[in-house]
Amino acid sequence: MTDGQHGATLYLRGLPEAVVREAKARAARRGITLTAYVAEILGRAAAADEDGPARPDAKLEADLDWYREHRDRLAACHAGEYLAIVDQQVIDHDHEFAPLARRVHERFGKRAIVMPKCVPEGRIVRLPSPRIDRS
């Protein structure tokens, strides 16, 4: 560490033993401390995370927008069901989320897929509060 940088104590509690062993071995092969090695790896991971996409996938956003635009029409056929939407199309639906998710992930793999519960857009109903006569 350079002057002006204060280090914190490094505790590796709760990590799998194999991961800690591997980190220690890599640090030893490079001739640096475990703390220096972990700090370097965490620094690289944090920098990569900052450079990565900060917003949801564009296709996912398009599918969400499509659902919002077509919600009332979809609710006429699929009210109360969960929908799986890919490329702005309903590819599957079910009253239960878990079986739908299982089928969709078997078909498309582990990726983000829009699966909302289909309900018509609600209207706002204003209910006045009862007034109490205190006279």
Protein backbone atom coordinates (compact mmCIF):
# COMPACT_ATOMS: atom_id res chain seq x y z
CA MET A 1 0.00 0.00 0.00
CA THR A 2 1.17 3.48 -0.75
CA ASP A 3 1.49 6.27 1.77
CA GLY A 4 -1.86 7.72 2.74
CA GLN A 5 -3.72 4.46 2.31
CA HIS A 6 -4.81 2.74 5.47
CA GLY A 7 -5.61 -0.92 5.28
CA ALA A 8 -8.39 -2.71 7.06
CA THR A 9 -8.08 -6.10 8.64
CA LEU A 10 -9.02 -8.85 6.21
CA TYR A 11 -11.30 -11.60 7.49
CA LEU A 12 -12.32 -14.38 5.13
CA ARG A 13 -15.08 -15.83 7.28
CA GLY A 14 -17.88 -17.68 5.58
CA LEU A 15 -15.97 -18.30 2.35
CA PRO A 16 -15.54 -21.84 1.09
CA GLU A 17 -12.24 -23.34 2.26
CA ALA A 18 -11.24 -24.21 -1.30
CA VAL A 19 -11.59 -20.56 -2.37
CA VAL A 20 -9.43 -19.33 0.52
CA ARG A 21 -6.79 -22.01 -0.17
CA GLU A 22 -6.67 -21.05 -3.86
CA ALA A 23 -6.35 -17.35 -3.03
CA LYS A 24 -3.51 -18.08 -0.58
CA ALA A 25 -1.72 -20.22 -3.16
CA ARG A 26 -2.02 -17.58 -5.88
CA ALA A 27 -0.80 -14.85 -3.52
CA ALA A 28 2.17 -17.01 -2.49
CA ARG A 29 3.08 -17.77 -6.13
CA ARG A 30 3.12 -14.04 -6.84
CA GLY A 31 5.08 -13.29 -3.68
CA ILE A 32 2.46 -10.97 -2.19
CA THR A 33 0.32 -11.12 0.92
CA LEU A 34 -3.16 -12.58 0.87
CA THR A 35 -4.53 -9.14 1.76
CA ALA A 36 -2.75 -7.53 -1.20
CA TYR A 37 -3.99 -10.26 -3.54
CA VAL A 38 -7.63 -10.02 -2.38
CA ALA A 39 -7.51 -6.20 -2.54
CA GLU A 40 -6.24 -6.38 -6.13
CA ILE A 41 -8.91 -8.89 -7.18
CA LEU A 42 -11.71 -6.93 -5.47
CA GLY A 43 -10.46 -3.71 -7.07
CA ARG A 44 -10.53 -5.29 -10.54
CA ALA A 45 -13.98 -6.78 -9.96
CA ALA A 46 -15.37 -3.46 -8.71
CA ALA A 47 -13.93 -1.59 -11.71
CA ALA A 48 -15.38 -4.15 -14.13
CA ASP A 49 -18.76 -3.86 -12.41
CA GLU A 50 -18.74 -0.06 -12.81
CA ASP A 51 -17.91 -0.37 -16.51
CA GLY A 52 -20.63 -2.94 -17.10
CA PRO A 53 -24.23 -2.20 -18.01
CA ALA A 54 -26.00 -0.33 -15.23
CA ARG A 55 -29.46 -0.69 -16.73
CA PRO A 56 -31.49 -3.77 -17.54
CA ASP A 57 -31.02 -5.50 -20.85
CA ALA A 58 -32.59 -3.57 -23.77
CA LYS A 59 -34.56 -6.64 -24.91
CA LEU A 60 -35.97 -7.06 -21.42
CA GLU A 61 -37.02 -3.40 -21.37
CA ALA A 62 -38.68 -3.80 -24.80
CA ASP A 63 -40.61 -6.85 -23.55
CA LEU A 64 -41.74 -4.95 -20.43
CA ASP A 65 -42.85 -1.99 -22.55
CA TRP A 66 -44.75 -4.35 -24.88
CA TYR A 67 -46.51 -5.95 -21.90
CA ARG A 68 -47.52 -2.56 -20.52
CA GLU A 69 -48.89 -1.46 -23.91
CA HIS A 70 -50.88 -4.69 -24.40
CA ARG A 71 -51.81 -5.42 -20.79
CA ASP A 72 -55.57 -4.89 -21.15
CA ARG A 73 -55.82 -7.02 -24.32
CA LEU A 74 -53.71 -9.77 -22.72
CA ALA A 75 -55.81 -9.66 -19.54
CA ALA A 76 -58.92 -10.46 -21.61
CA CYS A 77 -57.40 -13.88 -22.41
CA HIS A 78 -54.97 -14.48 -19.55
CA ALA A 79 -56.38 -12.66 -16.50
CA GLY A 80 -54.72 -13.88 -13.32
CA GLU A 81 -52.13 -15.98 -15.19
CA TYR A 82 -48.39 -15.53 -15.28
CA LEU A 83 -47.08 -14.80 -18.77
CA ALA A 84 -43.64 -15.53 -20.20
CA ILE A 85 -42.75 -12.85 -22.74
CA VAL A 86 -39.81 -13.15 -25.13
CA ASP A 87 -39.24 -10.90 -28.15
CA GLN A 88 -42.54 -9.13 -27.50
CA GLN A 89 -44.58 -12.34 -27.72
CA VAL A 90 -46.30 -14.47 -25.11
CA ILE A 91 -44.48 -17.78 -25.39
CA ASP A 92 -46.14 -19.57 -22.45
CA HIS A 93 -48.57 -18.94 -19.59
CA ASP A 94 -49.72 -20.65 -16.41
CA HIS A 95 -51.75 -19.97 -13.27
CA GLU A 96 -48.70 -21.01 -11.19
CA PHE A 97 -45.37 -19.18 -11.46
CA ALA A 98 -43.02 -22.08 -10.58
CA PRO A 99 -44.13 -24.51 -13.33
CA LEU A 100 -44.04 -21.68 -15.88
CA ALA A 101 -40.55 -20.62 -14.83
CA ARG A 102 -39.33 -24.23 -14.97
CA ARG A 103 -40.66 -24.74 -18.52
CA VAL A 104 -39.37 -21.42 -19.79
CA HIS A 105 -35.90 -21.86 -18.30
CA GLU A 106 -35.68 -25.41 -19.69
CA ARG A 107 -36.49 -23.99 -23.12
CA PHE A 108 -34.42 -20.77 -23.04
CA GLY A 109 -31.77 -21.46 -20.39
CA LYS A 110 -30.97 -19.29 -17.41
CA ARG A 111 -31.57 -15.78 -18.74
CA ALA A 112 -33.73 -12.86 -17.75
CA ILE A 113 -37.28 -13.28 -19.04
CA VAL A 114 -40.27 -11.06 -18.34
CA MET A 115 -42.87 -13.13 -16.44
CA PRO A 116 -45.52 -10.79 -14.98
CA LYS A 117 -48.83 -11.77 -13.46
CA CYS A 118 -51.36 -10.55 -16.00
CA VAL A 119 -53.88 -8.18 -14.49
CA PRO A 120 -55.67 -5.33 -16.24
CA GLU A 121 -54.37 -1.91 -15.40
CA GLY A 122 -56.30 -0.78 -12.40
CA ARG A 123 -58.27 2.37 -12.28
CA ILE A 124 -57.96 4.77 -9.41
CA VAL A 125 -61.02 4.87 -7.22
CA ARG A 126 -61.27 7.65 -4.69
CA LEU A 127 -63.13 6.74 -1.52
CA PRO A 128 -63.94 9.66 0.70
CA SER A 129 -63.15 9.23 4.34
CA PRO A 130 -66.22 9.18 6.59
CA ARG A 131 -66.73 12.46 8.34
CA ILE A 132 -67.45 12.48 12.04
CA ASP A 133 -69.79 15.14 13.29
CA ARG A 134 -68.22 16.47 16.47
CA SER A 135 -70.82 19.07 17.31
